[in-house]
Amino acid sequence: MDPFIRRQLERVFKGVANHRRIEILQLLQAEPRLTLWQIRERARLGRQTACEHVRRLALARLVHKRYRGREVEHTLAPLGRKILDQLPLFLSA
């Protein structure tokens, strides 16, 4: 396997290697556009914790960030949607 593809896969798996990040992906699936404040409120996370989880999701290309003035809007990326669709396969094994 190409080393570039291995690194991409590693980044994606690290992106979903935490139950809070999976929860954030599910929140964005239910509500397509959320600010960091809204994510913090719904997931009951502190500011630093929410920032770090969203940062890792963005690095894994599972979440898109869009700057709107002072707010940052987060949306589920197509890859994030695919990952969420595949999660039940891991539970059935």
C-alpha atoms as a PDB file:
ATOM      1  CA  MET A   1       0.000   0.000   0.000  1.00  0.00           C
ATOM      2  CA  ASP A   2       1.189   3.491  -0.839  1.00  0.00           C
ATOM      3  CA  PRO A   3       2.701   5.290   2.216  1.00  0.00           C
ATOM      4  CA  PHE A   4       0.563   8.370   1.469  1.00  0.00           C
ATOM      5  CA  ILE A   5      -2.622   6.295   1.670  1.00  0.00           C
ATOM      6  CA  ARG A   6      -1.435   4.670   4.914  1.00  0.00           C
ATOM      7  CA  ARG A   7      -0.913   8.129   6.456  1.00  0.00           C
ATOM      8  CA  GLN A   8      -4.359   9.238   5.319  1.00  0.00           C
ATOM      9  CA  LEU A   9      -5.942   6.136   6.829  1.00  0.00           C
ATOM     10  CA  GLU A  10      -4.045   6.697  10.069  1.00  0.00           C
ATOM     11  CA  ARG A  11      -5.316  10.281  10.253  1.00  0.00           C
ATOM     12  CA  VAL A  12      -8.922   9.159   9.681  1.00  0.00           C
ATOM     13  CA  PHE A  13      -8.766   6.398  12.291  1.00  0.00           C
ATOM     14  CA  LYS A  14      -7.172   8.741  14.819  1.00  0.00           C
ATOM     15  CA  GLY A  15      -9.968  11.173  14.053  1.00  0.00           C
ATOM     16  CA  VAL A  16     -12.627   8.708  15.196  1.00  0.00           C
ATOM     17  CA  ALA A  17     -10.570   7.048  17.922  1.00  0.00           C
ATOM     18  CA  ASN A  18     -12.456   8.861  20.675  1.00  0.00           C
ATOM     19  CA  HIS A  19     -16.086   8.583  21.768  1.00  0.00           C
ATOM     20  CA  ARG A  20     -16.397  12.377  22.056  1.00  0.00           C
ATOM     21  CA  ARG A  21     -15.290  12.883  18.466  1.00  0.00           C
ATOM     22  CA  ILE A  22     -17.788  10.264  17.294  1.00  0.00           C
ATOM     23  CA  GLU A  23     -20.433  12.127  19.304  1.00  0.00           C
ATOM     24  CA  ILE A  24     -19.478  15.406  17.585  1.00  0.00           C
ATOM     25  CA  LEU A  25     -19.761  13.742  14.173  1.00  0.00           C
ATOM     26  CA  GLN A  26     -23.218  12.471  15.128  1.00  0.00           C
ATOM     27  CA  LEU A  27     -24.222  15.938  16.326  1.00  0.00           C
ATOM     28  CA  LEU A  28     -23.182  17.385  12.972  1.00  0.00           C
ATOM     29  CA  GLN A  29     -25.104  14.665  11.188  1.00  0.00           C
ATOM     30  CA  ALA A  30     -28.254  15.616  13.114  1.00  0.00           C
ATOM     31  CA  GLU A  31     -27.663  19.382  12.856  1.00  0.00           C
ATOM     32  CA  PRO A  32     -25.625  20.159   9.740  1.00  0.00           C
ATOM     33  CA  ARG A  33     -24.182  23.535  10.829  1.00  0.00           C
ATOM     34  CA  LEU A  34     -22.929  24.110  14.341  1.00  0.00           C
ATOM     35  CA  THR A  35     -20.597  26.641  15.889  1.00  0.00           C
ATOM     36  CA  LEU A  36     -18.036  25.584  18.456  1.00  0.00           C
ATOM     37  CA  TRP A  37     -20.251  27.087  21.164  1.00  0.00           C
ATOM     38  CA  GLN A  38     -23.193  24.937  20.008  1.00  0.00           C
ATOM     39  CA  ILE A  39     -21.017  21.821  19.900  1.00  0.00           C
ATOM     40  CA  ARG A  40     -19.750  22.563  23.417  1.00  0.00           C
ATOM     41  CA  GLU A  41     -23.287  23.071  24.680  1.00  0.00           C
ATOM     42  CA  ARG A  42     -24.768  19.926  23.130  1.00  0.00           C
ATOM     43  CA  ALA A  43     -21.829  17.641  23.981  1.00  0.00           C
ATOM     44  CA  ARG A  44     -21.291  19.269  27.396  1.00  0.00           C
ATOM     45  CA  LEU A  45     -17.594  19.888  26.825  1.00  0.00           C
ATOM     46  CA  GLY A  46     -15.200  22.546  28.012  1.00  0.00           C
ATOM     47  CA  ARG A  47     -13.841  25.074  25.531  1.00  0.00           C
ATOM     48  CA  GLN A  48     -10.334  23.598  25.255  1.00  0.00           C
ATOM     49  CA  THR A  49     -11.632  20.035  25.004  1.00  0.00           C
ATOM     50  CA  ALA A  50     -14.139  20.916  22.289  1.00  0.00           C
ATOM     51  CA  CYS A  51     -11.494  22.911  20.380  1.00  0.00           C
ATOM     52  CA  GLU A  52      -9.064  19.998  20.428  1.00  0.00           C
ATOM     53  CA  HIS A  53     -11.653  17.428  19.326  1.00  0.00           C
ATOM     54  CA  VAL A  54     -12.887  19.615  16.468  1.00  0.00           C
ATOM     55  CA  ARG A  55      -9.290  20.367  15.454  1.00  0.00           C
ATOM     56  CA  ARG A  56      -8.512  16.652  15.210  1.00  0.00           C
ATOM     57  CA  LEU A  57     -11.689  16.006  13.228  1.00  0.00           C
ATOM     58  CA  ALA A  58     -10.747  18.787  10.815  1.00  0.00           C
ATOM     59  CA  LEU A  59      -7.187  17.410  10.447  1.00  0.00           C
ATOM     60  CA  ALA A  60      -8.695  14.023   9.599  1.00  0.00           C
ATOM     61  CA  ARG A  61     -10.879  15.774   6.983  1.00  0.00           C
ATOM     62  CA  LEU A  62     -14.025  14.522   8.692  1.00  0.00           C
ATOM     63  CA  VAL A  63     -15.309  18.029   9.452  1.00  0.00           C
ATOM     64  CA  HIS A  64     -15.211  21.250   7.444  1.00  0.00           C
ATOM     65  CA  LYS A  65     -14.725  24.643   9.106  1.00  0.00           C
ATOM     66  CA  ARG A  66     -16.161  27.777   7.553  1.00  0.00           C
ATOM     67  CA  TYR A  67     -15.364  31.185   8.977  1.00  0.00           C
ATOM     68  CA  ARG A  68     -18.347  33.538   9.180  1.00  0.00           C
ATOM     69  CA  GLY A  69     -17.177  36.750  10.759  1.00  0.00           C
ATOM     70  CA  ARG A  70     -16.221  35.960  14.342  1.00  0.00           C
ATOM     71  CA  GLU A  71     -17.957  32.579  14.315  1.00  0.00           C
ATOM     72  CA  VAL A  72     -16.670  29.318  12.869  1.00  0.00           C
ATOM     73  CA  GLU A  73     -19.332  27.079  11.405  1.00  0.00           C
ATOM     74  CA  HIS A  74     -18.671  23.336  11.391  1.00  0.00           C
ATOM     75  CA  THR A  75     -20.211  20.900   8.931  1.00  0.00           C
ATOM     76  CA  LEU A  76     -19.826  17.196   8.352  1.00  0.00           C
ATOM     77  CA  ALA A  77     -17.448  16.489   5.463  1.00  0.00           C
ATOM     78  CA  PRO A  78     -18.322  13.761   2.931  1.00  0.00           C
ATOM     79  CA  LEU A  79     -15.637  11.521   4.453  1.00  0.00           C
ATOM     80  CA  GLY A  80     -17.148  12.067   7.916  1.00  0.00           C
ATOM     81  CA  ARG A  81     -20.541  11.025   6.546  1.00  0.00           C
ATOM     82  CA  LYS A  82     -19.014   7.857   5.057  1.00  0.00           C
ATOM     83  CA  ILE A  83     -17.307   6.996   8.334  1.00  0.00           C
ATOM     84  CA  LEU A  84     -20.568   7.395  10.275  1.00  0.00           C
ATOM     85  CA  ASP A  85     -22.336   5.151   7.764  1.00  0.00           C
ATOM     86  CA  GLN A  86     -19.676   2.447   8.281  1.00  0.00           C
ATOM     87  CA  LEU A  87     -19.506   2.509  12.114  1.00  0.00           C
ATOM     88  CA  PRO A  88     -22.296  -0.097  12.562  1.00  0.00           C
ATOM     89  CA  LEU A  89     -20.119  -2.604  10.658  1.00  0.00           C
ATOM     90  CA  PHE A  90     -17.532  -2.423  13.444  1.00  0.00           C
ATOM     91  CA  LEU A  91     -20.142  -3.183  16.090  1.00  0.00           C
ATOM     92  CA  SER A  92     -21.538  -6.235  14.294  1.00  0.00           C
ATOM     93  CA  ALA A  93     -18.175  -8.005  14.089  1.00  0.00           C
END
